[in-house]
Amino acid sequence: VELVESGGGLVQAGGSLRLSCAASGTIFSINAMNWYRQAPGKQRDLVASLTSGGVPRYADSVKGRFTISRDNAKNTTYLQMNSLQPEDTAVYYCNADGVFLLYCAGWGCTPSPTHYDYWGQGTQVTVSS
């Protein structure tokens, strides 16, 4: 399974960006898709998550400004970021949580007996004041 992020960049305070995370691989199901961010010298924090049932959750710091969504047909998760502030500057990582893989052989296909977590490579978001 590979997660590829895109959409980061440099934006002025008050501006917007939309991050994308495209998932590829033999996936049976995903429990949740998450966006994390890590600023220099700080820990990696959860920004937003979206369960397989479509329930979004947000960190308090981004509520009302960020929106997480998912296009199941494209296996892509988005993070729309509006009203960006300098404190939003960080590397943003896409995470697939609780992934069951699909194993196929001549007799058919079955989900993996255990689940896995995957991370993207990260995309830099820089907000200038």
C-alpha atoms as a PDB file:
ATOM      1  CA  VAL A   1       0.000   0.000   0.000  1.00  0.00           C
ATOM      2  CA  GLU A   2       1.312   3.409  -0.922  1.00  0.00           C
ATOM      3  CA  LEU A   3       0.019   6.805   0.175  1.00  0.00           C
ATOM      4  CA  VAL A   4       1.071   9.761  -1.950  1.00  0.00           C
ATOM      5  CA  GLU A   5       0.384  13.285  -0.718  1.00  0.00           C
ATOM      6  CA  SER A   6       0.269  16.408  -2.804  1.00  0.00           C
ATOM      7  CA  GLY A   7      -0.960  19.982  -2.598  1.00  0.00           C
ATOM      8  CA  GLY A   8       1.398  21.521  -0.094  1.00  0.00           C
ATOM      9  CA  GLY A   9       3.138  24.813  -0.691  1.00  0.00           C
ATOM     10  CA  LEU A  10       3.639  28.374   0.411  1.00  0.00           C
ATOM     11  CA  VAL A  11       0.617  30.551   1.101  1.00  0.00           C
ATOM     12  CA  GLN A  12      -0.007  33.851   2.826  1.00  0.00           C
ATOM     13  CA  ALA A  13      -1.940  34.050   6.075  1.00  0.00           C
ATOM     14  CA  GLY A  14      -5.662  33.869   5.389  1.00  0.00           C
ATOM     15  CA  GLY A  15      -5.151  31.793   2.277  1.00  0.00           C
ATOM     16  CA  SER A  16      -6.224  28.259   1.430  1.00  0.00           C
ATOM     17  CA  LEU A  17      -4.674  25.002   0.318  1.00  0.00           C
ATOM     18  CA  ARG A  18      -6.088  21.589  -0.452  1.00  0.00           C
ATOM     19  CA  LEU A  19      -4.005  18.536   0.329  1.00  0.00           C
ATOM     20  CA  SER A  20      -4.625  15.218  -1.401  1.00  0.00           C
ATOM     21  CA  CYS A  21      -3.671  11.718  -0.347  1.00  0.00           C
ATOM     22  CA  ALA A  22      -3.987   9.014  -2.980  1.00  0.00           C
ATOM     23  CA  ALA A  23      -3.952   5.436  -1.748  1.00  0.00           C
ATOM     24  CA  SER A  24      -2.952   2.536  -3.956  1.00  0.00           C
ATOM     25  CA  GLY A  25      -2.584  -1.182  -3.366  1.00  0.00           C
ATOM     26  CA  THR A  26      -4.668  -4.240  -2.695  1.00  0.00           C
ATOM     27  CA  ILE A  27      -6.863  -2.830   0.041  1.00  0.00           C
ATOM     28  CA  PHE A  28      -9.867  -4.617   1.471  1.00  0.00           C
ATOM     29  CA  SER A  29     -10.888  -1.931   3.945  1.00  0.00           C
ATOM     30  CA  ILE A  30      -9.563   1.046   5.891  1.00  0.00           C
ATOM     31  CA  ASN A  31     -10.762   1.943   9.371  1.00  0.00           C
ATOM     32  CA  ALA A  32      -9.899   5.621   9.107  1.00  0.00           C
ATOM     33  CA  MET A  33      -7.934   8.091   7.044  1.00  0.00           C
ATOM     34  CA  ASN A  34      -6.095  10.693   9.057  1.00  0.00           C
ATOM     35  CA  TRP A  35      -4.062  13.833   8.550  1.00  0.00           C
ATOM     36  CA  TYR A  36      -1.241  14.602  10.979  1.00  0.00           C
ATOM     37  CA  ARG A  37       1.183  17.486  11.055  1.00  0.00           C
ATOM     38  CA  GLN A  38       4.583  18.036  12.548  1.00  0.00           C
ATOM     39  CA  ALA A  39       6.181  21.414  13.034  1.00  0.00           C
ATOM     40  CA  PRO A  40       9.959  21.718  13.546  1.00  0.00           C
ATOM     41  CA  GLY A  41      10.937  20.619  17.035  1.00  0.00           C
ATOM     42  CA  LYS A  42       7.429  19.457  17.892  1.00  0.00           C
ATOM     43  CA  GLN A  43       5.648  16.130  18.040  1.00  0.00           C
ATOM     44  CA  ARG A  44       3.421  14.844  15.282  1.00  0.00           C
ATOM     45  CA  ASP A  45      -0.185  15.752  16.067  1.00  0.00           C
ATOM     46  CA  LEU A  46      -3.481  14.524  14.677  1.00  0.00           C
ATOM     47  CA  VAL A  47      -5.232  17.259  12.697  1.00  0.00           C
ATOM     48  CA  ALA A  48      -8.259  15.510  11.231  1.00  0.00           C
ATOM     49  CA  SER A  49      -9.625  12.018  10.771  1.00  0.00           C
ATOM     50  CA  LEU A  50     -12.404  10.429   8.782  1.00  0.00           C
ATOM     51  CA  THR A  51     -13.758   7.010   9.673  1.00  0.00           C
ATOM     52  CA  SER A  52     -14.966   4.482   7.134  1.00  0.00           C
ATOM     53  CA  GLY A  53     -18.464   5.428   8.228  1.00  0.00           C
ATOM     54  CA  GLY A  54     -17.836   9.010   7.184  1.00  0.00           C
ATOM     55  CA  VAL A  55     -17.542  10.571  10.655  1.00  0.00           C
ATOM     56  CA  PRO A  56     -15.018  13.439  10.679  1.00  0.00           C
ATOM     57  CA  ARG A  57     -13.087  14.592  13.717  1.00  0.00           C
ATOM     58  CA  TYR A  58     -10.849  17.630  14.055  1.00  0.00           C
ATOM     59  CA  ALA A  59      -8.290  19.013  16.402  1.00  0.00           C
ATOM     60  CA  ASP A  60      -9.620  22.039  18.254  1.00  0.00           C
ATOM     61  CA  SER A  61      -7.010  24.240  16.596  1.00  0.00           C
ATOM     62  CA  VAL A  62      -8.426  23.614  13.107  1.00  0.00           C
ATOM     63  CA  LYS A  63     -12.161  23.243  13.743  1.00  0.00           C
ATOM     64  CA  GLY A  64     -14.166  25.483  11.449  1.00  0.00           C
ATOM     65  CA  ARG A  65     -11.174  26.038   9.146  1.00  0.00           C
ATOM     66  CA  PHE A  66     -10.200  22.572   7.886  1.00  0.00           C
ATOM     67  CA  THR A  67     -12.416  19.986   6.225  1.00  0.00           C
ATOM     68  CA  ILE A  68     -11.503  16.355   5.633  1.00  0.00           C
ATOM     69  CA  SER A  69     -13.246  14.451   2.864  1.00  0.00           C
ATOM     70  CA  ARG A  70     -12.833  11.294   0.855  1.00  0.00           C
ATOM     71  CA  ASP A  71     -13.519  10.210  -2.713  1.00  0.00           C
ATOM     72  CA  ASN A  72     -13.917   6.447  -2.475  1.00  0.00           C
ATOM     73  CA  ALA A  73     -13.965   5.992  -6.235  1.00  0.00           C
ATOM     74  CA  LYS A  74     -10.524   7.582  -6.486  1.00  0.00           C
ATOM     75  CA  ASN A  75      -9.235   6.182  -3.185  1.00  0.00           C
ATOM     76  CA  THR A  76      -8.228   9.722  -2.334  1.00  0.00           C
ATOM     77  CA  THR A  77      -8.593  11.690   0.874  1.00  0.00           C
ATOM     78  CA  TYR A  78      -8.519  15.479   0.946  1.00  0.00           C
ATOM     79  CA  LEU A  79      -7.807  18.124   3.526  1.00  0.00           C
ATOM     80  CA  GLN A  80      -9.232  21.506   2.616  1.00  0.00           C
ATOM     81  CA  MET A  81      -7.469  24.146   4.682  1.00  0.00           C
ATOM     82  CA  ASN A  82      -8.937  27.630   4.840  1.00  0.00           C
ATOM     83  CA  SER A  83      -7.984  30.729   6.819  1.00  0.00           C
ATOM     84  CA  LEU A  84      -4.457  29.415   7.181  1.00  0.00           C
ATOM     85  CA  GLN A  85      -2.270  30.942   9.857  1.00  0.00           C
ATOM     86  CA  PRO A  86       1.502  30.885  10.397  1.00  0.00           C
ATOM     87  CA  GLU A  87       1.006  28.390  13.232  1.00  0.00           C
ATOM     88  CA  ASP A  88      -0.366  25.930  10.667  1.00  0.00           C
ATOM     89  CA  THR A  89       3.106  25.706   9.142  1.00  0.00           C
ATOM     90  CA  ALA A  90       4.251  22.091   9.314  1.00  0.00           C
ATOM     91  CA  VAL A  91       4.856  18.957   7.346  1.00  0.00           C
ATOM     92  CA  TYR A  92       1.492  17.291   6.829  1.00  0.00           C
ATOM     93  CA  TYR A  93       1.299  13.507   6.748  1.00  0.00           C
ATOM     94  CA  CYS A  94      -1.451  11.267   5.498  1.00  0.00           C
ATOM     95  CA  ASN A  95      -2.113   8.118   7.527  1.00  0.00           C
ATOM     96  CA  ALA A  96      -4.253   5.072   6.784  1.00  0.00           C
ATOM     97  CA  ASP A  97      -5.275   3.445  10.021  1.00  0.00           C
ATOM     98  CA  GLY A  98      -6.481  -0.133  10.435  1.00  0.00           C
ATOM     99  CA  VAL A  99      -5.920  -1.293   6.877  1.00  0.00           C
ATOM    100  CA  PHE A 100      -6.946  -4.831   5.983  1.00  0.00           C
ATOM    101  CA  LEU A 101      -5.284  -6.001   2.794  1.00  0.00           C
ATOM    102  CA  LEU A 102      -6.912  -8.170   0.167  1.00  0.00           C
ATOM    103  CA  TYR A 103      -5.206 -11.493  -0.503  1.00  0.00           C
ATOM    104  CA  CYS A 104      -6.170 -13.241  -3.722  1.00  0.00           C
ATOM    105  CA  ALA A 105      -5.214 -16.646  -5.037  1.00  0.00           C
ATOM    106  CA  GLY A 106      -6.661 -19.153  -7.456  1.00  0.00           C
ATOM    107  CA  TRP A 107      -9.390 -20.077  -4.982  1.00  0.00           C
ATOM    108  CA  GLY A 108     -10.564 -16.522  -4.451  1.00  0.00           C
ATOM    109  CA  CYS A 109      -9.864 -13.513  -2.246  1.00  0.00           C
ATOM    110  CA  THR A 110      -9.873 -12.989   1.492  1.00  0.00           C
ATOM    111  CA  PRO A 111      -8.997 -10.096   3.795  1.00  0.00           C
ATOM    112  CA  SER A 112      -5.731 -10.218   5.687  1.00  0.00           C
ATOM    113  CA  PRO A 113      -5.924 -11.706   9.213  1.00  0.00           C
ATOM    114  CA  THR A 114      -4.406  -8.597  10.724  1.00  0.00           C
ATOM    115  CA  HIS A 115      -4.483  -4.884  10.016  1.00  0.00           C
ATOM    116  CA  TYR A 116      -1.726  -2.425   9.210  1.00  0.00           C
ATOM    117  CA  ASP A 117      -1.012   1.289   9.377  1.00  0.00           C
ATOM    118  CA  TYR A 118       0.559   3.236   6.534  1.00  0.00           C
ATOM    119  CA  TRP A 119       2.054   6.715   6.217  1.00  0.00           C
ATOM    120  CA  GLY A 120       2.680   9.027   3.317  1.00  0.00           C
ATOM    121  CA  GLN A 121       5.964  10.806   2.771  1.00  0.00           C
ATOM    122  CA  GLY A 122       4.664  14.167   3.958  1.00  0.00           C
ATOM    123  CA  THR A 123       4.055  17.470   2.236  1.00  0.00           C
ATOM    124  CA  GLN A 124       5.298  20.846   3.453  1.00  0.00           C
ATOM    125  CA  VAL A 125       2.809  23.602   4.196  1.00  0.00           C
ATOM    126  CA  THR A 126       4.265  27.016   4.913  1.00  0.00           C
ATOM    127  CA  VAL A 127       2.086  29.972   5.868  1.00  0.00           C
ATOM    128  CA  SER A 128       3.710  33.392   5.784  1.00  0.00           C
ATOM    129  CA  SER A 129       2.496  36.285   7.916  1.00  0.00           C
END
